[in-house]
Amino acid sequence: MGSISPKTLSLIRIKSSIMKKSFSIIIILLAGISAMMAFTFFPVNLQKPKITGTWNMSVETSAGSGTPTFVLKQENDTLITGTYSGQLGEAPVKGSIKGNDVRIEFNISGNLIEYTGTVDGDNMKGRVKLGTMAEGTFTGKRKEGKP
């Protein structure tokens, strides 16, 4: 039995080195593909909703319907301030936003008016409680332009 020649041994080392580098590249590619698939199957909305702007609402309650306007300002990640104007008059509003969940409230003639719902881009929808007067639903659209 013969021994392996230096030339053959050198070729084996070169092939081994190439295979190790190829294996490393394949592992890196597989890791990248796995990460992309994770974002595809488990989408993550990294952008927090912004609520600042003028919102035209459509409200349907057991006491009737209306089309109030809210001018809202998002003070920080959770605090909302602004104004309401509509069939009930005008009033300053306060509220909160957590994720896509929004809550807006104000007082008119001693009645606590509460809007609770969700915001999705330039659209909002949810439930409204007009103190002890009525309950119903609302939808809203942010007026076009800068929020």
Protein backbone atom coordinates (compact mmCIF):
# COMPACT_ATOMS: atom_id res chain seq x y z
CA MET A 1 0.00 0.00 0.00
CA GLY A 2 1.27 3.38 -0.96
CA SER A 3 1.29 6.65 0.82
CA ILE A 4 -0.58 9.77 -0.25
CA SER A 5 1.52 12.09 -2.34
CA PRO A 6 2.11 15.66 -1.15
CA LYS A 7 0.21 16.97 -4.18
CA THR A 8 -2.87 14.84 -3.34
CA LEU A 9 -2.63 15.83 0.31
CA SER A 10 -2.53 19.51 -0.69
CA LEU A 11 -5.63 19.08 -2.89
CA ILE A 12 -7.47 17.39 -0.02
CA ARG A 13 -6.63 20.30 2.29
CA ILE A 14 -7.80 22.85 -0.33
CA LYS A 15 -11.10 20.96 -0.85
CA SER A 16 -11.59 20.72 2.91
CA SER A 17 -11.02 24.47 3.30
CA ILE A 18 -13.45 25.26 0.47
CA MET A 19 -16.08 22.94 1.99
CA LYS A 20 -15.75 24.62 5.42
CA LYS A 21 -16.21 28.09 3.86
CA SER A 22 -19.15 26.88 1.77
CA PHE A 23 -20.73 25.31 4.85
CA SER A 24 -20.35 28.61 6.76
CA ILE A 25 -21.98 30.55 3.90
CA ILE A 26 -24.85 28.06 3.76
CA ILE A 27 -25.41 28.40 7.54
CA ILE A 28 -25.47 32.21 7.25
CA LEU A 29 -27.94 32.03 4.34
CA LEU A 30 -30.20 29.63 6.22
CA ALA A 31 -30.18 31.89 9.28
CA GLY A 32 -31.16 34.86 7.09
CA ILE A 33 -33.96 32.92 5.42
CA SER A 34 -35.22 31.75 8.83
CA ALA A 35 -35.32 35.33 10.09
CA MET A 36 -37.25 36.51 7.02
CA MET A 37 -39.72 33.65 7.41
CA ALA A 38 -40.27 34.51 11.07
CA PHE A 39 -41.27 38.08 10.11
CA THR A 40 -43.53 36.70 7.38
CA PHE A 41 -45.36 34.29 9.67
CA PHE A 42 -45.31 36.52 12.75
CA PRO A 43 -45.73 40.10 11.50
CA VAL A 44 -44.77 42.77 13.97
CA ASN A 45 -46.05 46.30 13.72
CA LEU A 46 -43.11 48.29 15.00
CA GLN A 47 -44.72 51.64 14.28
CA LYS A 48 -46.95 53.00 17.02
CA PRO A 49 -50.24 54.53 15.89
CA LYS A 50 -50.42 58.31 15.85
CA ILE A 51 -53.74 59.96 16.59
CA THR A 52 -52.88 63.65 16.18
CA GLY A 53 -55.16 65.40 13.68
CA THR A 54 -58.74 66.40 12.89
CA TRP A 55 -61.14 63.47 13.00
CA ASN A 56 -64.58 63.51 11.36
CA MET A 57 -66.79 61.02 13.19
CA SER A 58 -70.06 59.36 12.36
CA VAL A 59 -72.03 58.34 15.47
CA GLU A 60 -75.10 56.09 15.64
CA THR A 61 -76.90 55.80 19.00
CA SER A 62 -80.27 54.80 20.36
CA ALA A 63 -81.00 58.55 20.70
CA GLY A 64 -80.08 59.39 17.09
CA SER A 65 -77.05 60.06 14.96
CA GLY A 66 -74.48 62.80 14.62
CA THR A 67 -71.26 63.84 12.90
CA PRO A 68 -68.98 65.41 15.52
CA THR A 69 -65.43 66.59 14.91
CA PHE A 70 -62.49 65.96 17.20
CA VAL A 71 -59.22 67.87 16.99
CA LEU A 72 -56.77 65.62 18.81
CA LYS A 73 -53.16 65.92 19.85
CA GLN A 74 -51.09 62.98 21.01
CA GLU A 75 -48.96 64.45 23.78
CA ASN A 76 -46.73 61.37 24.24
CA ASP A 77 -46.98 57.60 23.77
CA THR A 78 -50.23 57.39 25.75
CA LEU A 79 -51.80 60.82 26.48
CA ILE A 80 -54.36 62.47 24.17
CA THR A 81 -55.78 66.00 24.50
CA GLY A 82 -57.98 68.06 22.20
CA THR A 83 -61.44 69.42 21.53
CA TYR A 84 -64.88 68.10 20.62
CA SER A 85 -67.47 69.99 18.61
CA GLY A 86 -70.82 68.55 17.60
CA GLN A 87 -74.51 68.28 18.45
CA LEU A 88 -73.73 68.23 22.17
CA GLY A 89 -71.79 71.51 21.97
CA GLU A 90 -68.06 72.05 22.41
CA ALA A 91 -65.73 70.68 25.06
CA PRO A 92 -62.09 69.95 25.83
CA VAL A 93 -61.27 66.24 25.65
CA LYS A 94 -58.70 64.00 27.24
CA GLY A 95 -57.87 60.42 26.56
CA SER A 96 -55.33 57.70 26.14
CA ILE A 97 -53.92 55.40 23.51
CA LYS A 98 -52.30 52.05 24.18
CA GLY A 99 -51.27 50.08 21.13
CA ASN A 100 -54.24 50.51 18.78
CA ASP A 101 -56.75 50.93 21.63
CA VAL A 102 -58.03 54.45 22.11
CA ARG A 103 -60.17 56.08 24.80
CA ILE A 104 -61.49 59.64 24.58
CA GLU A 105 -63.73 61.34 27.13
CA PHE A 106 -65.24 64.71 27.94
CA ASN A 107 -68.06 66.25 29.98
CA ILE A 108 -71.13 68.00 28.61
CA SER A 109 -73.67 69.37 31.10
CA GLY A 110 -72.49 66.99 33.80
CA ASN A 111 -72.63 63.93 31.53
CA LEU A 112 -69.46 61.93 30.93
CA ILE A 113 -69.17 61.15 27.22
CA GLU A 114 -66.89 58.17 26.46
CA TYR A 115 -65.51 56.94 23.15
CA THR A 116 -63.62 53.62 23.26
CA GLY A 117 -62.30 51.86 20.20
CA THR A 118 -59.36 51.18 17.95
CA VAL A 119 -57.34 53.27 15.55
CA ASP A 120 -55.93 51.89 12.31
CA GLY A 121 -53.98 54.49 10.34
CA ASP A 122 -56.46 57.22 9.38
CA ASN A 123 -59.50 55.25 10.57
CA MET A 124 -61.07 54.80 13.97
CA LYS A 125 -64.07 52.79 15.18
CA GLY A 126 -65.65 51.68 18.39
CA ARG A 127 -68.36 52.28 20.96
CA VAL A 128 -69.70 55.51 22.41
CA LYS A 129 -71.51 56.09 25.68
CA LEU A 130 -73.34 59.41 26.05
CA GLY A 131 -73.57 59.51 29.84
CA THR A 132 -76.96 58.13 30.84
CA MET A 133 -78.58 59.41 27.62
CA ALA A 134 -77.62 56.75 25.05
CA GLU A 135 -75.08 54.24 23.79
CA GLY A 136 -74.00 53.31 20.30
CA THR A 137 -71.15 53.00 17.84
CA PHE A 138 -68.87 55.36 15.99
CA THR A 139 -66.56 55.38 13.01
CA GLY A 140 -64.09 58.11 12.21
CA LYS A 141 -61.74 59.22 9.51
CA ARG A 142 -58.80 61.57 9.94
CA LYS A 143 -59.10 64.64 7.75
CA GLU A 144 -56.55 64.57 4.92
CA GLY A 145 -53.38 66.53 5.41
CA LYS A 146 -50.66 66.44 8.00
CA PRO A 147 -51.67 64.67 11.21
